[in-house]
Protein backbone atom coordinates (compact mmCIF):
# COMPACT_ATOMS: atom_id res chain seq x y z
CA MET A 1 158.02 171.49 100.10
CA PRO A 2 160.98 169.81 98.44
CA ARG A 3 161.00 167.82 101.90
CA GLN A 4 157.33 166.73 101.71
CA GLY A 5 157.89 165.53 98.04
CA LEU A 6 160.75 163.24 98.96
CA SER A 7 158.77 161.83 101.80
CA LEU A 8 156.08 160.90 99.71
CA CYS A 9 158.46 159.58 97.06
CA PHE A 10 160.29 157.40 99.53
CA ALA A 11 157.12 156.28 100.99
CA PHE A 12 155.69 155.00 97.39
CA CYS A 13 158.46 152.99 96.77
CA CYS A 14 158.70 151.27 100.21
CA SER A 15 154.90 150.62 100.00
CA PHE A 16 155.55 149.22 96.46
CA CYS A 17 158.42 146.81 97.72
CA LEU A 18 156.37 145.60 100.81
CA ALA A 19 153.72 144.70 98.63
CA ALA A 20 155.35 142.46 95.99
CA PRO A 21 154.76 139.12 96.18
CA SER A 22 157.70 136.64 96.83
CA ASP A 23 158.10 133.15 96.21
CA SER A 24 160.87 132.76 98.48
CA THR A 25 158.80 131.80 101.41
CA VAL A 26 157.19 129.09 100.10
CA PRO A 27 159.69 125.76 100.43
CA TRP A 28 160.23 123.58 97.57
CA THR A 29 158.89 120.73 99.60
CA ALA A 30 155.56 122.01 99.71
CA GLY A 31 153.12 119.49 97.75
CA LEU A 32 155.36 116.71 97.76
CA MET A 33 153.45 114.47 100.20
CA ASP A 34 150.03 113.39 99.72
CA SER A 35 149.65 114.35 103.63
CA THR A 36 151.41 115.07 106.67
CA GLU A 37 149.10 114.13 109.43
CA HIS A 38 147.91 110.74 110.77
CA ASP A 39 145.50 109.73 113.88
CA PHE A 40 146.05 106.30 114.91
CA GLY A 41 143.18 106.45 117.33
CA THR A 42 143.01 104.19 120.36
CA LEU A 43 145.86 101.55 120.52
CA VAL A 44 146.85 98.67 123.06
CA ARG A 45 149.88 98.66 124.86
CA GLY A 46 152.82 96.58 122.60
CA GLU A 47 150.60 97.23 119.44
CA LYS A 48 152.87 98.03 116.42
CA ALA A 49 151.09 100.55 114.30
CA GLU A 50 151.86 101.42 110.92
CA HIS A 51 150.95 104.05 108.36
CA VAL A 52 152.12 104.88 104.90
CA PHE A 53 152.45 108.36 103.72
CA MET A 54 153.07 108.87 100.02
CA LEU A 55 155.92 111.05 98.56
CA ARG A 56 155.70 112.26 94.95
CA ASN A 57 158.47 113.98 93.13
CA ASN A 58 156.66 116.37 90.71
CA LEU A 59 159.96 118.45 89.81
CA ALA A 60 161.97 118.82 87.19
CA GLU A 61 165.11 117.07 88.84
CA SER A 62 165.72 114.10 91.50
CA ILE A 63 165.62 114.60 95.14
CA HIS A 64 167.14 113.05 98.00
CA ILE A 65 166.63 111.89 101.63
CA VAL A 66 169.65 112.67 103.48
CA GLY A 67 168.28 111.78 107.12
CA ILE A 68 165.36 111.37 109.46
CA ARG A 69 164.87 112.96 112.50
CA LEU A 70 162.35 111.45 115.12
CA SER A 71 160.83 113.35 118.20
CA CYS A 72 160.22 110.00 120.06
CA GLY A 73 162.26 106.35 120.11
CA CYS A 74 158.79 104.58 119.72
CA ALA A 75 158.87 105.39 116.06
CA ARG A 76 160.77 103.87 113.17
CA VAL A 77 160.82 105.09 109.42
CA PRO A 78 162.55 101.90 107.45
CA ILE A 79 163.60 103.60 104.25
CA PRO A 80 165.96 101.62 101.95
CA ASP A 81 169.12 103.66 100.44
CA GLU A 82 167.92 102.87 97.28
CA GLN A 83 164.48 104.52 97.88
CA ARG A 84 166.25 107.85 99.64
CA THR A 85 166.70 109.34 95.61
CA ILE A 86 163.11 109.89 93.92
CA HIS A 87 163.48 110.82 90.32
CA PRO A 88 161.18 113.20 88.62
CA GLY A 89 157.47 111.63 88.03
CA THR A 90 158.10 109.02 90.61
CA SER A 91 156.85 108.19 94.49
CA VAL A 92 157.95 106.41 97.22
CA PRO A 93 156.09 105.13 100.31
CA ILE A 94 157.25 106.37 103.68
CA LEU A 95 156.16 104.08 106.09
CA VAL A 96 155.98 104.85 109.75
CA VAL A 97 155.93 102.15 112.50
CA LEU A 98 154.85 103.05 115.91
CA ASP A 99 155.76 100.82 118.72
CA THR A 100 153.52 101.35 121.78
CA SER A 101 155.29 98.93 124.23
CA SER A 102 156.53 101.97 126.41
CA LEU A 103 153.83 104.37 125.54
CA ALA A 104 150.49 104.93 127.53
CA GLY A 105 147.65 107.70 127.29
CA ALA A 106 147.54 110.23 124.70
CA ARG A 107 151.11 110.53 122.73
CA SER A 108 152.17 112.41 119.55
CA THR A 109 155.18 111.76 117.34
CA THR A 110 156.96 113.98 114.97
CA VAL A 111 159.21 112.64 111.98
CA CYS A 112 161.19 115.00 110.28
CA LEU A 113 162.45 114.02 106.49
CA ALA A 114 165.84 115.94 105.76
CA PHE A 115 166.82 116.52 102.08
CA ASP A 116 170.11 117.84 100.53
CA LYS A 117 169.17 117.75 97.03
CA PRO A 118 168.07 119.52 94.94
CA SER A 119 168.46 121.74 97.78
CA PRO A 120 168.28 121.58 101.49
CA GLY A 121 164.94 121.38 102.93
CA GLU A 122 162.62 119.29 105.18
CA ILE A 123 158.96 117.79 105.65
CA ARG A 124 157.14 117.23 109.09
CA LEU A 125 155.10 114.38 109.66
CA HIS A 126 152.91 114.42 112.62
CA LEU A 127 151.53 111.34 114.38
CA ASN A 128 148.72 110.95 117.19
CA THR A 129 147.36 108.26 119.23
CA TYR A 130 146.14 107.24 122.94
CA VAL A 131 147.30 104.04 124.11
CA ARG A 132 145.73 101.82 126.55
CA SER A 133 147.50 100.22 129.31
CA ASP A 134 144.76 97.51 130.48
CA VAL A 135 145.15 95.39 127.05
CA ARG A 136 148.51 94.17 126.08
CA VAL A 137 149.88 92.43 123.01
CA GLN A 138 153.38 90.55 122.84
CA PRO A 139 155.35 91.04 120.46
CA GLY A 140 153.37 93.77 118.85
CA ALA A 141 154.23 92.48 115.26
CA VAL A 142 154.70 88.87 113.74
CA GLU A 143 158.14 89.00 112.06
CA PHE A 144 158.95 85.79 109.97
CA GLY A 145 162.06 86.84 108.32
CA ALA A 146 163.63 85.25 105.30
CA ILE A 147 162.33 82.07 104.53
CA ARG A 148 162.20 79.71 101.58
CA ARG A 149 159.30 79.46 99.19
CA GLU A 150 156.85 76.54 99.89
CA ALA A 151 157.95 76.76 103.42
CA SER A 152 155.26 76.83 106.47
CA VAL A 153 156.55 78.67 109.47
CA GLU A 154 154.74 79.57 112.56
CA LYS A 155 155.03 82.25 115.17
CA THR A 156 153.36 82.95 118.58
CA LEU A 157 151.44 85.79 120.03
CA GLN A 158 150.60 86.46 123.77
CA VAL A 159 147.59 88.91 124.43
CA SER A 160 146.26 89.81 127.75
CA SER A 161 143.80 92.01 129.61
CA SER A 162 143.77 93.05 133.38
CA GLY A 163 140.57 93.88 135.45
CA ARG A 164 138.11 92.44 133.35
CA TYR A 165 136.73 88.61 134.01
CA SER A 166 134.42 88.96 130.89
CA TRP A 167 136.98 89.95 128.49
CA GLY A 168 137.66 87.89 125.36
CA ILE A 169 138.53 87.48 121.91
CA VAL A 170 135.91 86.12 119.55
CA GLU A 171 137.10 86.53 116.32
CA VAL A 172 140.42 86.41 114.22
CA LYS A 173 140.68 88.04 110.70
CA SER A 174 143.83 87.29 108.64
CA HIS A 175 145.15 87.48 105.25
CA PRO A 176 144.46 84.36 102.89
CA HIS A 177 148.00 83.14 103.13
CA VAL A 178 147.80 83.38 107.01
CA THR A 179 146.09 81.02 109.76
CA CYS A 180 145.66 81.65 113.08
CA GLN A 181 144.46 79.35 116.11
CA VAL A 182 143.58 81.02 119.44
CA ILE A 183 144.08 79.44 122.71
CA GLU A 184 142.80 80.81 125.91
CA THR A 185 145.64 80.23 129.00
CA ARG A 186 144.33 82.00 131.78
CA ARG A 187 140.83 83.49 133.18
CA ASP A 188 140.38 84.86 136.58
CA TRP A 189 139.21 88.40 138.24
CA ASN A 190 143.07 89.76 138.05
CA GLN A 191 143.61 88.82 134.08
CA VAL A 192 142.54 86.87 131.00
CA SER A 193 145.26 85.47 128.54
CA TYR A 194 145.54 84.03 125.41
CA ARG A 195 148.23 82.42 122.89
CA VAL A 196 147.62 83.10 118.94
CA GLN A 197 149.67 80.41 116.71
CA VAL A 198 150.08 82.46 113.59
CA ARG A 199 151.13 80.52 110.79
CA LEU A 200 152.25 81.59 107.18
CA GLY A 201 151.52 79.09 104.52
CA PRO A 202 153.50 77.34 101.61
CA GLU A 203 151.31 79.22 98.99
CA ALA A 204 152.58 82.82 100.04
CA PRO A 205 154.00 84.28 96.93
CA PRO A 206 157.87 85.15 96.74
CA GLY A 207 158.76 88.88 97.52
CA TYR A 208 158.02 90.87 100.79
CA PHE A 209 154.98 89.88 102.27
CA ARG A 210 153.42 92.28 104.26
CA GLY A 211 149.50 91.78 105.84
CA GLN A 212 147.86 91.76 109.56
CA VAL A 213 146.00 89.88 111.58
CA THR A 214 142.97 91.42 113.19
CA LEU A 215 141.79 90.48 117.11
CA VAL A 216 138.22 90.98 117.54
CA THR A 217 137.43 91.34 121.08
CA ASN A 218 134.07 91.38 122.67
CA GLU A 219 134.45 95.33 123.92
CA PRO A 220 131.84 97.72 122.95
CA GLN A 221 134.33 100.14 121.54
CA ASN A 222 138.04 99.76 120.42
CA ARG A 223 137.26 96.25 119.63
CA GLU A 224 139.86 95.27 117.01
CA ILE A 225 143.85 94.70 117.81
CA ALA A 226 145.70 94.99 114.38
CA VAL A 227 148.87 93.08 114.53
CA PRO A 228 151.41 93.50 111.54
CA ILE A 229 152.96 90.70 109.68
CA GLU A 230 156.23 90.74 107.89
CA ALA A 231 157.80 88.23 105.91
CA HIS A 232 160.67 87.86 102.89
CA VAL A 233 159.73 84.99 101.02
CA LEU A 234 162.81 84.00 98.97
CA ALA A 235 162.05 83.75 95.28
CA ASP A 236 163.84 80.67 92.94
CA LEU A 237 164.74 83.83 90.48
CA SER A 238 165.41 87.37 91.30
CA VAL A 239 166.75 90.76 89.77
CA SER A 240 168.13 93.76 91.25
CA PRO A 241 167.01 96.46 90.94
CA ALA A 242 163.59 95.33 90.46
CA THR A 243 162.83 98.62 88.80
CA LEU A 244 165.39 100.06 86.51
CA PHE A 245 165.56 103.85 86.54
CA LEU A 246 168.23 105.02 83.71
CA GLY A 247 168.35 108.71 84.71
CA VAL A 248 167.72 111.87 83.08
CA VAL A 249 169.77 112.38 80.28
CA ALA A 250 170.09 114.87 77.49
CA PRO A 251 168.75 114.18 73.82
CA GLY A 252 171.11 111.66 71.98
CA GLU A 253 173.30 110.75 75.16
CA GLU A 254 173.81 107.15 76.13
CA VAL A 255 174.11 105.77 79.49
CA SER A 256 174.82 102.55 80.93
CA ARG A 257 173.59 100.35 83.35
CA GLN A 258 173.71 96.65 85.11
CA LEU A 259 171.06 94.24 86.05
CA VAL A 260 172.06 91.53 88.61
CA VAL A 261 170.11 88.17 88.15
CA ARG A 262 170.54 85.45 90.79
CA ALA A 263 168.62 82.07 91.63
CA SER A 264 169.02 79.61 94.59
CA ARG A 265 170.44 77.23 92.42
CA PRO A 266 172.77 77.33 89.14
CA PHE A 267 170.64 78.02 85.70
CA ALA A 268 171.15 79.20 82.45
CA ILE A 269 169.89 82.26 80.65
CA ARG A 270 168.02 81.78 77.52
CA ASP A 271 167.10 84.94 75.84
CA VAL A 272 167.07 88.68 77.23
CA LYS A 273 165.28 91.27 75.20
CA ALA A 274 163.68 94.78 75.93
CA ASP A 275 160.22 96.15 74.35
CA GLY A 276 160.67 99.30 72.23
CA THR A 277 163.62 101.14 70.91
CA GLY A 278 166.32 102.79 72.50
CA ILE A 279 167.49 99.71 75.07
CA LYS A 280 170.39 97.51 73.86
CA ILE A 281 171.21 94.52 75.86
CA GLY A 282 174.95 93.17 75.92
CA PHE A 283 174.02 89.76 76.62
CA GLY A 284 173.42 87.00 74.67
CA LYS A 285 172.30 82.97 75.68
CA SER A 286 174.63 81.76 78.27
CA GLU A 287 176.14 78.26 77.91
CA VAL A 288 177.30 77.61 81.36
CA ARG A 289 174.66 77.26 84.29
CA LYS A 290 175.56 79.39 87.35
CA PRO A 291 173.49 81.10 90.35
CA LEU A 292 174.34 84.93 89.36
CA TYR A 293 174.61 86.44 86.13
CA LEU A 294 175.43 90.11 85.30
CA ILE A 295 173.35 91.88 82.34
CA PRO A 296 174.86 95.08 80.78
CA VAL A 297 172.23 97.69 79.58
CA LYS A 298 172.34 100.53 77.72
CA PHE A 299 170.01 103.43 76.48
CA GLN A 300 170.32 105.66 73.76
CA ALA A 301 167.85 108.78 74.28
CA GLY A 302 166.09 110.22 71.48
CA GLU A 303 165.44 113.89 70.28
CA GLU A 304 162.08 113.97 72.01
CA ALA A 305 161.87 114.96 75.53
CA GLY A 306 159.58 113.43 78.09
CA ARG A 307 159.66 110.15 80.11
CA ILE A 308 160.39 106.91 78.11
CA GLU A 309 158.89 103.33 79.77
CA ARG A 310 160.14 100.15 78.53
CA THR A 311 160.15 96.69 80.00
CA ILE A 312 163.11 94.33 79.72
CA HIS A 313 162.53 90.38 79.53
CA ILE A 314 164.78 87.72 81.10
CA GLN A 315 163.99 84.15 80.10
CA THR A 316 165.65 80.89 82.06
CA ASP A 317 165.94 77.41 81.82
CA LEU A 318 164.07 77.26 85.28
CA GLU A 319 160.52 76.25 85.69
CA GLY A 320 158.31 79.44 85.44
CA GLY A 321 162.01 81.28 85.29
CA ALA A 322 160.64 83.99 83.23
CA ILE A 323 160.97 87.57 84.84
CA SER A 324 159.96 91.54 83.58
CA VAL A 325 161.95 94.45 84.85
CA PRO A 326 160.15 97.84 84.45
CA ALA A 327 162.73 100.44 83.05
CA SER A 328 162.22 104.10 82.68
CA ALA A 329 164.21 107.39 81.71
CA VAL A 330 163.56 111.13 81.52
CA VAL A 331 164.71 112.99 78.40
CA ALA A 332 165.42 116.52 79.27
CA THR A 333 164.24 119.46 77.22
CA PRO A 334 167.25 120.76 75.10
CA GLN A 335 168.14 124.46 76.37
CA GLN A 336 169.71 126.81 73.67
CA PRO A 337 173.57 127.38 73.99
CA ALA A 338 175.01 130.68 74.40
CA SER A 339 177.22 129.99 71.17
CA SER A 340 173.85 129.26 69.11
CA VAL A 341 173.42 133.08 68.46
CA SER A 342 174.09 134.08 65.16
CA GLU A 343 176.67 136.55 63.83
CA ALA A 344 173.71 138.69 62.34
CA GLU A 345 171.95 138.49 65.70
CA MET A 346 175.02 139.74 67.67
CA GLN A 347 175.30 142.69 64.97
CA ALA A 348 171.49 143.69 65.56
CA ALA A 349 171.91 143.68 69.18
CA PRO A 350 172.29 147.24 71.09
CA LYS A 351 175.65 148.17 71.52
CA LEU A 352 176.77 149.44 75.16
CA GLU A 353 179.35 152.13 75.28
CA LEU A 354 181.90 152.02 78.03
CA LEU A 355 182.28 155.41 79.56
CA THR A 356 186.18 156.06 80.86
CA SER A 357 186.69 159.29 81.39
CA PRO A 358 184.76 162.08 83.75
CA GLN A 359 184.12 164.15 80.73
CA GLN A 360 181.83 161.33 78.95
CA ARG A 361 179.75 160.41 82.17
CA LYS A 362 176.59 162.23 82.03
CA PRO A 363 175.98 163.99 85.09
CA ARG A 364 173.66 162.78 88.08
CA VAL A 365 170.14 164.24 88.59
CA SER A 366 169.41 163.85 92.30
CA LEU A 367 165.71 163.07 93.69
CA ARG A 368 165.59 166.23 95.55
CA SER A 369 166.00 168.28 91.99
CA LEU A 370 162.70 166.60 90.93
CA PHE A 371 160.76 168.62 93.39
CA ARG A 372 162.57 172.13 93.61
């Protein structure tokens, strides 16, 4: 009978431990992405397809992408170094570019984002597509590179289809700043070919320009071929970083940052000011004209915890030379230090006696004696 009672007690304890829920099996990366899968559908060979996943940091501390692993050399994830640290409450786009130049048929690709902060973890993104080999576009993207503002530049696409004499391009859709000219260069029973001239107009706004040209064919299905367009239109005036994050700070703490303002020609800064309270600008009116300025910025956190958002305005003597920089900080919730416990609270706390001799120690009660 004692053995039966001991067995029942042991079984009860084991079942309780196994039934207790545990959060350790749930990774901290769960819920950071808006989605983890995307199907590109049917693509033509040579086409470069893009998809943007959104990563939002809903944690109380910053996270850092330490590396990216790809299951296929056909994929590319261009994440700048300044976007690899995601602060609390902010989001970053994760752009995945798929190059189909060497692909054919059904393909699946996996992208793994590896994190080292706040602790090691990873997120896997899955992409699927079907690549046609009878239609080809070269190059798969229109990349203008860095161009000066108000300049007009042009690139050429070569589009071809094999095995269908009646195949053709019937329409072109593009961004308002982009114009296209379609010229047929070959038509026989073996192949139909086109040359597409893509021009970026001088009215394109400064900054990183992203768009696409959509070639509409006369096929009954999978009629459209999307070709991405990229350009960096250089501005007369720019500031880095474009968005200033002042960090996660304690109440009353002061932090210092720096803005870099540059232009394509020498200029003078007339005024720098910030909306609201807490931000101090260590820069006055400039007396000399030069192409680059460093502007010190200090932030003094208040006592109220939460996210603080401000805007820094920079006025120059250039035509249209005003620029604004969003600035933000997170004031952490204060924690009570151990030294803040009062002496009265220490006196009221239960006393723990240290038993040093065998005579002071109470005898142990064995589990077996409970069932005798």
